């Protein structure tokens, strides 16, 4: 039996001074690019650099969010596009060249 995967728009949850989301908690991925785990690992790498680079956690979390949204959004877009063919529909070499 086929299953469906819901698509939701970005939430209005903003970083607080003590809590930040990462991985599927803030950007669940469709499975058609096999990138969900990689996105969570990238999140951790970027978040650790932001925390190390700013004294204020609120600023670190805001920079983390601003850094990750464009990349995660593009990966989600291509994963959604791939769902129609259940395989690659575009050149995704850029995905593997990213340095978190």
C-alpha atoms as a PDB file:
ATOM      1  CA  UNK A   1       0.000   0.000   0.000  1.00  0.00           C
ATOM      2  CA  UNK A   2       1.436   3.426  -0.910  1.00  0.00           C
ATOM      3  CA  UNK A   3       2.001   5.903   1.849  1.00  0.00           C
ATOM      4  CA  UNK A   4       1.837   9.662   1.767  1.00  0.00           C
ATOM      5  CA  UNK A   5       4.278  12.196   3.123  1.00  0.00           C
ATOM      6  CA  UNK A   6       2.973  15.561   4.268  1.00  0.00           C
ATOM      7  CA  UNK A   7       4.658  18.822   3.295  1.00  0.00           C
ATOM      8  CA  UNK A   8       4.437  21.670   5.778  1.00  0.00           C
ATOM      9  CA  UNK A   9       5.573  25.239   5.449  1.00  0.00           C
ATOM     10  CA  UNK A  10       8.302  26.653   7.636  1.00  0.00           C
ATOM     11  CA  UNK A  11       7.102  27.273  11.140  1.00  0.00           C
ATOM     12  CA  UNK A  12       7.177  30.558  12.948  1.00  0.00           C
ATOM     13  CA  UNK A  13       9.201  29.056  15.795  1.00  0.00           C
ATOM     14  CA  UNK A  14      12.230  31.249  16.288  1.00  0.00           C
ATOM     15  CA  UNK A  15      15.363  30.458  18.245  1.00  0.00           C
ATOM     16  CA  UNK A  16      15.180  31.277  21.914  1.00  0.00           C
ATOM     17  CA  UNK A  17      18.095  32.065  24.149  1.00  0.00           C
ATOM     18  CA  UNK A  18      18.278  28.445  25.318  1.00  0.00           C
ATOM     19  CA  UNK A  19      16.656  26.147  22.751  1.00  0.00           C
ATOM     20  CA  UNK A  20      17.383  25.447  19.099  1.00  0.00           C
ATOM     21  CA  UNK A  21      16.049  22.685  16.868  1.00  0.00           C
ATOM     22  CA  UNK A  22      18.051  20.660  14.388  1.00  0.00           C
ATOM     23  CA  UNK A  23      17.651  17.674  12.089  1.00  0.00           C
ATOM     24  CA  UNK A  24      14.186  16.278  11.462  1.00  0.00           C
ATOM     25  CA  UNK A  25      12.839  18.246  14.434  1.00  0.00           C
ATOM     26  CA  UNK A  26      12.977  21.391  12.310  1.00  0.00           C
ATOM     27  CA  UNK A  27      13.278  20.199   8.697  1.00  0.00           C
ATOM     28  CA  UNK A  28      12.064  16.677   8.050  1.00  0.00           C
ATOM     29  CA  UNK A  29      13.075  15.413   4.614  1.00  0.00           C
ATOM     30  CA  UNK A  30      11.331  13.257   2.082  1.00  0.00           C
ATOM     31  CA  UNK A  31      13.421  10.115   1.551  1.00  0.00           C
ATOM     32  CA  UNK A  32      14.051  10.645  -2.177  1.00  0.00           C
ATOM     33  CA  UNK A  33      17.511  12.145  -1.863  1.00  0.00           C
ATOM     34  CA  UNK A  34      18.632  10.125   1.175  1.00  0.00           C
ATOM     35  CA  UNK A  35      19.801  13.357   2.798  1.00  0.00           C
ATOM     36  CA  UNK A  36      17.981  13.572   6.129  1.00  0.00           C
ATOM     37  CA  UNK A  37      20.833  12.165   8.207  1.00  0.00           C
ATOM     38  CA  UNK A  38      23.403  14.270   6.373  1.00  0.00           C
ATOM     39  CA  UNK A  39      21.368  17.413   7.047  1.00  0.00           C
ATOM     40  CA  UNK A  40      21.307  16.629  10.785  1.00  0.00           C
ATOM     41  CA  UNK A  41      25.084  16.124  10.826  1.00  0.00           C
ATOM     42  CA  UNK A  42      25.595  19.386   8.919  1.00  0.00           C
ATOM     43  CA  UNK A  43      23.264  21.112  11.396  1.00  0.00           C
ATOM     44  CA  UNK A  44      25.445  19.896  14.270  1.00  0.00           C
ATOM     45  CA  UNK A  45      28.640  21.077  12.563  1.00  0.00           C
ATOM     46  CA  UNK A  46      27.250  24.530  11.754  1.00  0.00           C
ATOM     47  CA  UNK A  47      25.652  24.904  15.190  1.00  0.00           C
ATOM     48  CA  UNK A  48      28.907  24.031  16.957  1.00  0.00           C
ATOM     49  CA  UNK A  49      30.790  26.609  14.879  1.00  0.00           C
ATOM     50  CA  UNK A  50      28.161  29.245  15.621  1.00  0.00           C
ATOM     51  CA  UNK A  51      28.256  28.560  19.355  1.00  0.00           C
ATOM     52  CA  UNK A  52      32.060  28.681  19.333  1.00  0.00           C
ATOM     53  CA  UNK A  53      32.072  31.898  17.309  1.00  0.00           C
ATOM     54  CA  UNK A  54      29.603  34.015  19.286  1.00  0.00           C
ATOM     55  CA  UNK A  55      29.465  34.837  22.986  1.00  0.00           C
ATOM     56  CA  UNK A  56      25.686  35.317  22.881  1.00  0.00           C
ATOM     57  CA  UNK A  57      23.663  32.129  22.268  1.00  0.00           C
ATOM     58  CA  UNK A  58      20.716  34.014  20.796  1.00  0.00           C
ATOM     59  CA  UNK A  59      23.026  35.465  18.128  1.00  0.00           C
ATOM     60  CA  UNK A  60      24.656  32.068  17.551  1.00  0.00           C
ATOM     61  CA  UNK A  61      21.243  30.436  17.105  1.00  0.00           C
ATOM     62  CA  UNK A  62      20.062  33.174  14.731  1.00  0.00           C
ATOM     63  CA  UNK A  63      23.197  32.848  12.586  1.00  0.00           C
ATOM     64  CA  UNK A  64      22.787  29.046  12.607  1.00  0.00           C
ATOM     65  CA  UNK A  65      19.203  29.391  11.377  1.00  0.00           C
ATOM     66  CA  UNK A  66      20.095  31.945   8.700  1.00  0.00           C
ATOM     67  CA  UNK A  67      22.953  29.739   7.510  1.00  0.00           C
ATOM     68  CA  UNK A  68      20.956  26.520   7.333  1.00  0.00           C
ATOM     69  CA  UNK A  69      17.619  27.659   5.863  1.00  0.00           C
ATOM     70  CA  UNK A  70      18.834  28.190   2.261  1.00  0.00           C
ATOM     71  CA  UNK A  71      20.724  24.871   2.104  1.00  0.00           C
ATOM     72  CA  UNK A  72      18.031  22.800   3.769  1.00  0.00           C
ATOM     73  CA  UNK A  73      15.357  24.439   1.620  1.00  0.00           C
ATOM     74  CA  UNK A  74      17.192  23.523  -1.580  1.00  0.00           C
ATOM     75  CA  UNK A  75      17.718  19.923  -0.445  1.00  0.00           C
ATOM     76  CA  UNK A  76      14.022  19.683   0.451  1.00  0.00           C
ATOM     77  CA  UNK A  77      13.034  21.152  -2.923  1.00  0.00           C
ATOM     78  CA  UNK A  78      15.080  18.600  -4.853  1.00  0.00           C
ATOM     79  CA  UNK A  79      13.943  15.745  -2.635  1.00  0.00           C
ATOM     80  CA  UNK A  80      10.331  16.701  -3.354  1.00  0.00           C
ATOM     81  CA  UNK A  81      11.103  16.886  -7.095  1.00  0.00           C
ATOM     82  CA  UNK A  82      12.734  13.449  -6.945  1.00  0.00           C
ATOM     83  CA  UNK A  83       9.627  11.933  -5.358  1.00  0.00           C
ATOM     84  CA  UNK A  84       7.779  11.938  -8.675  1.00  0.00           C
ATOM     85  CA  UNK A  85      10.373   9.710 -10.318  1.00  0.00           C
ATOM     86  CA  UNK A  86      11.681   7.976  -7.197  1.00  0.00           C
ATOM     87  CA  UNK A  87      15.179   8.827  -8.387  1.00  0.00           C
ATOM     88  CA  UNK A  88      17.418  11.776  -9.285  1.00  0.00           C
ATOM     89  CA  UNK A  89      15.803  14.384 -11.517  1.00  0.00           C
ATOM     90  CA  UNK A  90      18.535  17.016 -11.382  1.00  0.00           C
ATOM     91  CA  UNK A  91      22.280  17.300 -11.087  1.00  0.00           C
ATOM     92  CA  UNK A  92      23.007  17.168  -7.359  1.00  0.00           C
ATOM     93  CA  UNK A  93      26.817  17.399  -7.354  1.00  0.00           C
ATOM     94  CA  UNK A  94      26.482  20.666  -5.394  1.00  0.00           C
ATOM     95  CA  UNK A  95      25.034  18.592  -2.541  1.00  0.00           C
ATOM     96  CA  UNK A  96      28.300  16.717  -2.043  1.00  0.00           C
ATOM     97  CA  UNK A  97      30.539  19.792  -2.366  1.00  0.00           C
ATOM     98  CA  UNK A  98      29.091  21.539   0.725  1.00  0.00           C
ATOM     99  CA  UNK A  99      31.477  22.254   3.602  1.00  0.00           C
ATOM    100  CA  UNK A 100      29.629  22.667   6.896  1.00  0.00           C
END
